[in-house]
Protein backbone atom coordinates (compact mmCIF):
# COMPACT_ATOMS: atom_id res chain seq x y z
CA MET A 1 45.15 216.16 68.11
CA SER A 2 44.19 217.94 71.26
CA ASP A 3 44.29 216.29 74.68
CA GLY A 4 40.49 215.98 74.69
CA THR A 5 40.48 214.14 71.36
CA ASP A 6 43.35 211.89 72.48
CA ASN A 7 41.40 210.96 75.62
CA LEU A 8 38.28 210.16 73.59
CA VAL A 9 40.25 207.93 71.24
CA LEU A 10 41.97 206.15 74.13
CA GLU A 11 38.63 205.64 75.88
CA GLN A 12 37.12 204.14 72.73
CA LEU A 13 40.13 201.87 72.29
CA ARG A 14 39.78 200.69 75.90
CA ARG A 15 36.10 199.91 75.33
CA ILE A 16 36.92 198.02 72.14
CA ARG A 17 39.62 196.04 73.96
CA ALA A 18 37.25 195.21 76.84
CA SER A 19 34.58 194.10 74.38
CA GLN A 20 37.09 191.95 72.53
CA GLU A 21 38.25 190.33 75.78
CA ARG A 22 34.62 189.49 76.69
CA SER A 23 34.11 188.01 73.24
CA GLU A 24 37.25 185.90 73.61
CA LEU A 25 36.05 184.60 76.98
CA ASP A 26 32.62 183.81 75.54
CA LEU A 27 34.26 181.97 72.64
CA ALA A 28 36.40 179.93 75.04
CA VAL A 29 33.28 178.93 77.00
CA LEU A 30 31.47 177.97 73.80
CA LYS A 31 34.42 175.87 72.64
CA ALA A 32 34.44 174.00 75.94
CA ARG A 33 30.68 173.39 75.73
CA VAL A 34 30.87 172.14 72.13
CA SER A 35 33.74 169.85 73.08
CA GLY A 36 31.62 168.41 75.89
CA LEU A 37 28.72 167.86 73.50
CA GLU A 38 31.01 166.10 71.05
CA GLN A 39 32.21 163.76 73.78
CA VAL A 40 28.67 162.95 74.92
CA THR A 41 27.53 162.44 71.32
CA GLY A 42 30.43 160.05 70.74
CA GLN A 43 29.51 158.10 73.87
CA ILE A 44 25.87 157.89 72.80
CA LEU A 45 26.83 156.66 69.33
CA THR A 46 29.10 154.03 70.85
CA LEU A 47 26.30 152.89 73.17
CA MET A 48 23.84 152.72 70.28
CA GLY A 49 26.29 150.62 68.27
CA THR A 50 26.66 148.21 71.18
CA MET A 51 22.89 147.99 71.59
CA ASN A 52 22.44 147.32 67.87
CA GLN A 53 24.96 144.48 68.03
CA ARG A 54 23.15 142.94 70.98
CA MET A 55 19.78 143.25 69.24
CA ASP A 56 21.24 141.56 66.15
CA ARG A 57 22.41 138.66 68.31
CA PHE A 58 18.97 138.44 69.96
CA ASP A 59 17.38 138.38 66.50
CA GLU A 60 19.68 135.57 65.40
CA ARG A 61 18.96 133.57 68.55
CA LEU A 62 15.20 134.07 68.20
CA GLY A 63 15.41 132.90 64.58
CA ARG A 64 17.20 129.73 65.66
CA ILE A 65 14.61 129.08 68.37
CA GLU A 66 11.74 129.57 65.89
CA ARG A 67 13.37 127.19 63.42
CA ARG A 68 13.94 124.53 66.08
CA LEU A 69 10.31 124.74 67.22
CA ASP A 70 9.09 124.87 63.62
CA LEU A 71 7.52 128.25 64.27
CA ALA A 72 9.32 130.07 61.45
CA GLU A 73 7.58 130.53 58.13
CA ALA A 74 9.47 129.10 55.19
């Protein structure tokens, strides 16, 4: 190959490498963001589970109150 062709090939390889490096950085950012979303989602699910448990206890207590006051239907 001539020097001009070698320079064109090297320039293209440099552009490809730069593009690949940008893609790798973008992928790293996306991985971090997805990881953060997974953590938040896990926290929300835990909170919802806790709230459901509390609501179940409230439901049980309300049922007992209704039975004691003869307000519950048989």
